[in-house]
């Protein structure tokens, strides 16, 4: 009887000891939460784990996107490209429009022409001289980076040319169609990336103003190219300074991490307006890589400071100029700003990346 009772007593002690340790750890966490103390090593580990998982998800998402869209988009793009090239070859006149010259009245004229031609082809009947002249005329309209022309079957085609820093980028196509001149037009074919909100633009603009729809899509495509190329250029110019970099498919959310002057800095950008190359919101946070008691005492003497700390001047730059330009401007004042915020962090006189 003594042996079982002794073992039972030992089990109780172990259970009591385990519960005590758990209780102490719980109290320690509560104390940290109340005092604002941050376990940076644990936070960095959690962030790193999250980044690794997110990076894996993004890679799989990109592979899936390519598999789903590569062949269909290529096929549609080639067909529409050939059709637009044929329309340009057959054109009898190209009209360049600017400002108020580009309006819904022009589009109404194009719609009337394509439907007259479609009806004539369908009936194969008598065509008066006025309509015969309309059918013979093949007019294309150039408005900025857009080319609008009539296509067979009562359709209107729009070609969007995109560029970045004066260099030509992709060409996109969108075809609008309606059963008759009086009916609402809809998008029948396009090569616009699936992750851009074309459907939302169609629902919002196409029933009231075809011109607004065409312009909106053009601005959205150009802004997407601008954001994408800004990120590409940033990675090219600052390959040694920037660590992890993540972005959504339409580049309307961008986040990257860098380590500068013994501090870690995260940059988060959000673009609410898909037609804008500049972010609506920017957040830049910095905190020292090596937390020390000396730093805690220094901060305590200056007053309470929450970590990580915002860099307002960097956030302003990111919202007002292009991403590569903003990064360069941020770097000019970064060391002095970090030394002011974290006076005991041991900010290095050179960049921690070791880049030239």
Protein backbone atom coordinates (compact mmCIF):
# COMPACT_ATOMS: atom_id res chain seq x y z
CA UNK A 1 0.00 0.00 0.00
CA UNK A 2 2.86 2.35 0.74
CA UNK A 3 4.33 2.04 -2.78
CA UNK A 4 1.11 2.99 -4.65
CA UNK A 5 0.50 5.89 -2.30
CA UNK A 6 4.07 7.11 -2.80
CA UNK A 7 3.67 6.98 -6.62
CA UNK A 8 0.34 8.74 -6.36
CA UNK A 9 1.96 11.49 -4.33
CA UNK A 10 4.74 11.87 -6.91
CA UNK A 11 2.18 12.19 -9.71
CA UNK A 12 0.36 14.90 -7.77
CA UNK A 13 3.63 16.78 -7.28
CA UNK A 14 4.46 16.56 -10.99
CA UNK A 15 0.98 17.73 -11.99
CA UNK A 16 1.16 20.53 -9.47
CA UNK A 17 4.60 21.50 -10.74
CA UNK A 18 3.44 21.50 -14.39
CA UNK A 19 0.41 23.59 -13.56
CA UNK A 20 2.57 26.03 -11.61
CA UNK A 21 4.96 26.45 -14.56
CA UNK A 22 2.05 27.00 -16.96
CA UNK A 23 0.52 29.50 -14.56
CA UNK A 24 3.81 31.39 -14.24
CA UNK A 25 4.21 31.48 -18.03
CA UNK A 26 0.65 32.77 -18.38
CA UNK A 27 1.34 35.50 -15.81
CA UNK A 28 4.57 36.39 -17.64
CA UNK A 29 2.67 36.80 -20.93
CA UNK A 30 0.03 38.94 -19.22
CA UNK A 31 2.77 41.10 -17.73
CA UNK A 32 4.34 41.59 -21.15
CA UNK A 33 0.99 42.52 -22.65
CA UNK A 34 0.29 45.06 -19.90
CA UNK A 35 3.74 46.68 -19.92
CA UNK A 36 4.07 46.69 -23.70
CA UNK A 37 7.18 44.51 -23.60
CA UNK A 38 7.75 42.71 -26.90
CA UNK A 39 9.57 39.43 -27.35
CA UNK A 40 11.25 40.36 -30.63
CA UNK A 41 12.85 36.97 -31.20
CA UNK A 42 9.49 35.24 -30.88
CA UNK A 43 7.78 37.89 -33.02
CA UNK A 44 10.44 37.57 -35.73
CA UNK A 45 10.08 33.78 -35.69
CA UNK A 46 6.30 34.02 -36.10
CA UNK A 47 6.66 36.56 -38.90
CA UNK A 48 9.26 34.44 -40.66
CA UNK A 49 7.03 31.36 -40.48
CA UNK A 50 4.11 33.36 -41.89
CA UNK A 51 6.26 34.75 -44.71
CA UNK A 52 7.51 31.30 -45.70
CA UNK A 53 3.94 29.96 -45.85
CA UNK A 54 2.70 33.01 -47.77
CA UNK A 55 5.58 32.74 -50.23
CA UNK A 56 4.71 29.10 -50.90
CA UNK A 57 1.03 29.97 -51.43
CA UNK A 58 1.91 32.79 -53.82
CA UNK A 59 4.18 30.50 -55.86
CA UNK A 60 1.42 27.90 -56.18
CA UNK A 61 -1.09 30.63 -57.06
CA UNK A 62 1.19 31.98 -59.79
CA UNK A 63 1.69 28.49 -61.25
CA UNK A 64 -2.06 27.89 -61.22
CA UNK A 65 -2.70 31.26 -62.89
CA UNK A 66 -0.24 30.46 -65.67
CA UNK A 67 -1.71 27.00 -66.22
CA UNK A 68 -5.25 28.35 -66.37
CA UNK A 69 -4.63 31.32 -68.62
CA UNK A 70 -1.57 30.63 -70.78
CA UNK A 71 -3.14 28.81 -73.74
CA UNK A 72 -6.64 30.39 -73.77
CA UNK A 73 -5.25 33.93 -73.47
CA UNK A 74 -2.65 33.24 -76.14
CA UNK A 75 -5.26 31.88 -78.51
CA UNK A 76 -7.69 34.78 -77.97
CA UNK A 77 -4.86 37.31 -78.19
CA UNK A 78 -3.61 35.92 -81.49
CA UNK A 79 -7.11 35.86 -83.02
CA UNK A 80 -7.91 39.42 -81.96
CA UNK A 81 -4.48 40.63 -83.03
CA UNK A 82 -5.04 39.23 -86.51
CA UNK A 83 -8.51 40.76 -86.67
CA UNK A 84 -7.23 44.19 -85.61
CA UNK A 85 -4.36 44.01 -88.09
CA UNK A 86 -6.83 43.20 -90.87
CA UNK A 87 -9.00 46.15 -89.83
CA UNK A 88 -5.98 48.48 -89.86
CA UNK A 89 -4.96 47.25 -93.31
CA UNK A 90 -8.49 47.80 -94.65
CA UNK A 91 -8.90 51.25 -93.11
CA UNK A 92 -9.47 54.17 -95.43
CA UNK A 93 -8.94 56.86 -92.79
CA UNK A 94 -7.46 57.26 -89.30
CA UNK A 95 -8.82 60.06 -87.14
CA UNK A 96 -6.92 61.25 -84.06
CA UNK A 97 -9.18 62.60 -81.34
CA UNK A 98 -8.24 64.68 -78.33
CA UNK A 99 -10.10 66.28 -75.45
CA UNK A 100 -13.79 66.90 -76.11
CA UNK A 101 -13.50 65.44 -79.60
CA UNK A 102 -13.61 62.02 -77.95
CA UNK A 103 -17.16 61.46 -76.70
CA UNK A 104 -20.10 59.07 -76.79
CA UNK A 105 -21.27 60.65 -80.05
CA UNK A 106 -18.22 59.23 -81.82
CA UNK A 107 -19.01 55.79 -80.43
CA UNK A 108 -22.64 56.10 -81.53
CA UNK A 109 -21.38 56.78 -85.06
CA UNK A 110 -19.13 53.71 -84.93
CA UNK A 111 -22.00 51.57 -83.63
CA UNK A 112 -24.28 52.78 -86.40
CA UNK A 113 -21.68 51.95 -89.04
CA UNK A 114 -20.95 48.43 -87.80
CA UNK A 115 -24.65 47.57 -87.49
CA UNK A 116 -25.46 48.92 -90.96
CA UNK A 117 -22.67 46.76 -92.35
CA UNK A 118 -23.78 43.73 -90.33
CA UNK A 119 -27.41 44.11 -91.48
CA UNK A 120 -26.31 44.51 -95.10
CA UNK A 121 -24.22 41.36 -94.94
CA UNK A 122 -27.07 39.45 -93.30
CA UNK A 123 -29.83 40.47 -95.75
CA UNK A 124 -27.71 40.72 -98.91
CA UNK A 125 -30.42 43.03 -100.22
CA UNK A 126 -30.49 46.43 -101.88
CA UNK A 127 -28.18 49.03 -100.30
CA UNK A 128 -28.76 52.71 -101.03
CA UNK A 129 -25.87 54.97 -101.95
CA UNK A 130 -25.60 56.51 -98.46
CA UNK A 131 -25.27 53.16 -96.72
CA UNK A 132 -22.99 51.87 -99.45
CA UNK A 133 -20.62 54.76 -98.78
CA UNK A 134 -20.73 54.07 -95.04
CA UNK A 135 -19.86 50.42 -95.63
CA UNK A 136 -16.95 51.30 -97.91
CA UNK A 137 -15.44 53.71 -95.37
CA UNK A 138 -13.21 51.94 -92.86
CA UNK A 139 -12.37 54.53 -90.20
CA UNK A 140 -10.25 53.91 -87.13
CA UNK A 141 -10.01 56.35 -84.24
CA UNK A 142 -6.88 56.93 -82.19
CA UNK A 143 -7.33 58.42 -78.72
CA UNK A 144 -4.12 58.58 -76.71
CA UNK A 145 -2.95 55.01 -76.16
CA UNK A 146 -6.22 53.57 -77.52
CA UNK A 147 -7.31 52.59 -81.01
CA UNK A 148 -11.05 52.09 -81.62
CA UNK A 149 -12.43 50.56 -84.79
CA UNK A 150 -15.42 48.67 -86.13
CA UNK A 151 -15.22 44.90 -86.53
CA UNK A 152 -17.39 42.46 -88.43
CA UNK A 153 -20.60 41.25 -86.82
CA UNK A 154 -21.71 44.56 -85.34
CA UNK A 155 -18.77 44.72 -82.95
CA UNK A 156 -16.50 47.50 -81.73
CA UNK A 157 -12.86 46.69 -80.98
CA UNK A 158 -10.54 48.58 -78.66
CA UNK A 159 -6.78 48.14 -78.66
CA UNK A 160 -4.90 49.36 -75.58
CA UNK A 161 -1.18 50.10 -75.85
CA UNK A 162 0.70 50.30 -72.55
CA UNK A 163 4.14 51.67 -71.77
CA UNK A 164 6.51 52.43 -68.92
CA UNK A 165 9.19 55.12 -68.86
CA UNK A 166 8.75 55.62 -72.59
CA UNK A 167 9.22 51.93 -73.39
CA UNK A 168 6.44 49.94 -75.06
CA UNK A 169 4.89 47.17 -72.95
CA UNK A 170 1.91 44.88 -73.60
CA UNK A 171 -1.03 45.33 -75.96
CA UNK A 172 -4.50 44.40 -74.71
CA UNK A 173 -7.74 43.95 -76.64
CA UNK A 174 -11.39 44.34 -75.71
CA UNK A 175 -14.37 43.72 -77.99
CA UNK A 176 -17.85 45.17 -77.36
CA UNK A 177 -20.97 43.77 -78.95
CA UNK A 178 -24.74 44.30 -79.05
CA UNK A 179 -27.52 42.62 -81.00
CA UNK A 180 -28.82 45.92 -82.33
CA UNK A 181 -27.96 49.59 -82.33
CA UNK A 182 -30.46 50.30 -79.55
CA UNK A 183 -29.49 47.47 -77.21
CA UNK A 184 -26.91 47.66 -74.44
CA UNK A 185 -23.38 46.67 -75.35
CA UNK A 186 -21.44 44.00 -73.48
CA UNK A 187 -17.91 42.63 -73.47
CA UNK A 188 -17.77 39.61 -75.77
CA UNK A 189 -14.00 38.99 -75.90
CA UNK A 190 -10.91 40.44 -74.27
CA UNK A 191 -7.31 39.74 -73.30
CA UNK A 192 -7.35 41.80 -70.11
CA UNK A 193 -5.79 39.96 -67.12
CA UNK A 194 -8.44 38.07 -65.19
CA UNK A 195 -7.42 39.61 -61.85
CA UNK A 196 -8.34 43.14 -62.95
CA UNK A 197 -11.97 44.15 -62.19
CA UNK A 198 -13.25 44.31 -65.77
CA UNK A 199 -16.68 42.97 -64.78
CA UNK A 200 -17.13 45.71 -62.18
CA UNK A 201 -16.24 48.36 -64.76
CA UNK A 202 -18.68 46.84 -67.24
CA UNK A 203 -21.53 46.90 -64.71
CA UNK A 204 -20.78 50.44 -63.58
CA UNK A 205 -20.10 52.27 -66.85
CA UNK A 206 -21.10 50.36 -69.96
CA UNK A 207 -24.86 50.88 -69.68
CA UNK A 208 -24.55 54.66 -69.21
CA UNK A 209 -21.42 55.66 -71.15
CA UNK A 210 -19.36 53.44 -73.43
CA UNK A 211 -16.70 56.14 -73.57
CA UNK A 212 -16.28 56.13 -69.77
CA UNK A 213 -15.96 52.35 -69.81
CA UNK A 214 -13.28 52.42 -72.52
CA UNK A 215 -11.34 55.18 -70.73
CA UNK A 216 -11.61 53.48 -67.33
CA UNK A 217 -10.26 50.19 -68.66
CA UNK A 218 -7.40 52.00 -70.39
CA UNK A 219 -6.43 53.85 -67.22
CA UNK A 220 -6.71 50.64 -65.18
CA UNK A 221 -4.43 48.73 -67.55
CA UNK A 222 -1.82 51.48 -67.67
CA UNK A 223 -1.82 51.83 -63.87
CA UNK A 224 -1.38 48.07 -63.49
CA UNK A 225 1.64 48.18 -65.82
CA UNK A 226 3.06 51.17 -63.92
CA UNK A 227 2.77 49.42 -60.55
CA UNK A 228 4.21 46.17 -61.91
CA UNK A 229 7.16 47.86 -63.58
CA UNK A 230 7.87 50.01 -60.52
CA UNK A 231 8.23 46.85 -58.45
CA UNK A 232 10.40 45.22 -61.11
CA UNK A 233 12.66 48.29 -61.27
CA UNK A 234 12.85 48.51 -57.47
CA UNK A 235 14.01 44.89 -57.24
CA UNK A 236 16.56 45.49 -59.98
CA UNK A 237 18.05 48.67 -58.51
CA UNK A 238 18.03 47.64 -54.86
CA UNK A 239 18.51 43.89 -55.05
CA UNK A 240 20.95 43.87 -52.11
CA UNK A 241 18.93 46.14 -49.82
CA UNK A 242 15.49 44.56 -50.15
CA UNK A 243 14.78 41.23 -48.50
CA UNK A 244 11.38 39.61 -48.87
CA UNK A 245 8.96 41.25 -51.29
CA UNK A 246 5.33 40.23 -51.73
CA UNK A 247 2.55 41.57 -53.92
CA UNK A 248 -0.94 40.69 -55.09
CA UNK A 249 -1.50 39.75 -58.73
CA UNK A 250 -2.79 43.22 -59.74
CA UNK A 251 -0.06 44.84 -57.60
CA UNK A 252 -2.68 46.69 -55.56
CA UNK A 253 -1.03 45.40 -52.37
CA UNK A 254 2.75 45.47 -52.05
CA UNK A 255 4.89 44.66 -49.03
CA UNK A 256 8.63 44.35 -48.64
CA UNK A 257 11.15 44.08 -45.83
CA UNK A 258 14.64 45.49 -45.55
CA UNK A 259 17.36 45.62 -42.91
CA UNK A 260 19.09 48.98 -42.72
CA UNK A 261 21.43 50.43 -40.10
CA UNK A 262 20.86 47.60 -37.64
CA UNK A 263 17.07 47.96 -37.89
CA UNK A 264 14.35 45.98 -39.63
CA UNK A 265 11.91 48.01 -41.73
CA UNK A 266 8.65 46.83 -43.27
CA UNK A 267 6.86 48.75 -46.03
CA UNK A 268 3.18 48.09 -46.82
CA UNK A 269 1.35 49.77 -49.71
CA UNK A 270 -2.36 49.60 -50.59
CA UNK A 271 -3.98 50.91 -53.79
CA UNK A 272 -7.73 51.48 -53.43
CA UNK A 273 -8.02 53.09 -56.88
CA UNK A 274 -7.08 50.57 -59.57
CA UNK A 275 -6.38 53.47 -61.95
CA UNK A 276 -3.63 54.90 -59.77
CA UNK A 277 0.09 54.17 -59.89
CA UNK A 278 0.48 55.72 -56.41
CA UNK A 279 -0.75 54.03 -53.22
CA UNK A 280 -3.76 55.26 -51.30
CA UNK A 281 -2.25 54.12 -48.00
CA UNK A 282 1.33 53.49 -46.98
CA UNK A 283 2.74 52.14 -43.74
CA UNK A 284 6.44 52.07 -42.86
CA UNK A 285 7.46 50.48 -39.55
CA UNK A 286 10.94 50.16 -38.08
CA UNK A 287 12.37 48.45 -35.02
CA UNK A 288 15.90 47.56 -33.88
CA UNK A 289 17.21 44.10 -34.67
CA UNK A 290 18.93 43.74 -31.28
CA UNK A 291 16.88 44.69 -28.23
CA UNK A 292 18.90 45.52 -25.11
CA UNK A 293 18.37 46.73 -21.54
CA UNK A 294 20.36 49.86 -22.39
CA UNK A 295 17.85 50.67 -25.11
CA UNK A 296 14.99 50.06 -22.69
CA UNK A 297 16.53 52.49 -20.20
CA UNK A 298 17.14 55.09 -22.90
CA UNK A 299 13.57 54.88 -24.10
CA UNK A 300 12.32 54.99 -20.52
CA UNK A 301 14.15 58.29 -19.93
CA UNK A 302 12.64 59.80 -23.09
CA UNK A 303 9.15 58.65 -22.28
CA UNK A 304 7.01 55.76 -23.45
CA UNK A 305 7.48 54.73 -27.08
CA UNK A 306 5.57 51.99 -28.85
CA UNK A 307 7.53 49.56 -30.99
CA UNK A 308 7.63 49.19 -33.95
CA UNK A 309 7.80 52.90 -34.77
CA UNK A 310 6.27 54.66 -37.78
CA UNK A 311 8.40 56.61 -40.25
CA UNK A 312 5.97 59.36 -41.39
CA UNK A 313 8.38 61.02 -43.83
CA UNK A 314 8.83 57.70 -45.64
CA UNK A 315 5.07 57.11 -45.79
CA UNK A 316 4.55 60.57 -47.33
CA UNK A 317 7.21 59.95 -49.98
CA UNK A 318 5.67 56.62 -50.99
CA UNK A 319 2.24 58.24 -51.49
CA UNK A 320 3.51 61.10 -53.66
CA UNK A 321 6.24 59.78 -55.99
CA UNK A 322 6.99 56.52 -57.77
CA UNK A 323 8.24 53.57 -55.75
CA UNK A 324 11.92 53.57 -56.91
CA UNK A 325 12.14 57.36 -56.47
CA UNK A 326 10.54 57.17 -53.03
CA UNK A 327 12.96 54.44 -51.95
CA UNK A 328 15.94 56.59 -52.97
CA UNK A 329 14.54 59.63 -51.14
CA UNK A 330 13.82 57.60 -48.01
CA UNK A 331 17.41 56.37 -47.94
CA UNK A 332 18.80 59.93 -47.79
CA UNK A 333 17.41 60.56 -44.29
CA UNK A 334 16.99 57.02 -43.02
CA UNK A 335 20.08 56.69 -40.82
CA UNK A 336 19.52 59.99 -39.03
CA UNK A 337 15.84 59.20 -38.50
CA UNK A 338 16.57 55.76 -37.04
CA UNK A 339 19.27 57.15 -34.73
CA UNK A 340 16.81 59.74 -33.46
CA UNK A 341 14.09 57.14 -32.82
CA UNK A 342 16.39 54.46 -31.41
CA UNK A 343 19.38 56.35 -29.97
CA UNK A 344 20.86 53.26 -28.31
CA UNK A 345 20.23 50.75 -31.07
CA UNK A 346 23.80 50.92 -32.34
CA UNK A 347 22.80 52.12 -35.82
CA UNK A 348 25.69 51.44 -38.14
CA UNK A 349 27.33 54.16 -40.25
CA UNK A 350 26.93 51.97 -43.34
CA UNK A 351 24.06 49.89 -44.64
CA UNK A 352 23.82 46.48 -43.04
CA UNK A 353 23.36 44.88 -46.45
CA UNK A 354 26.93 45.60 -47.43
CA UNK A 355 25.87 46.85 -50.87
CA UNK A 356 28.04 49.30 -52.73
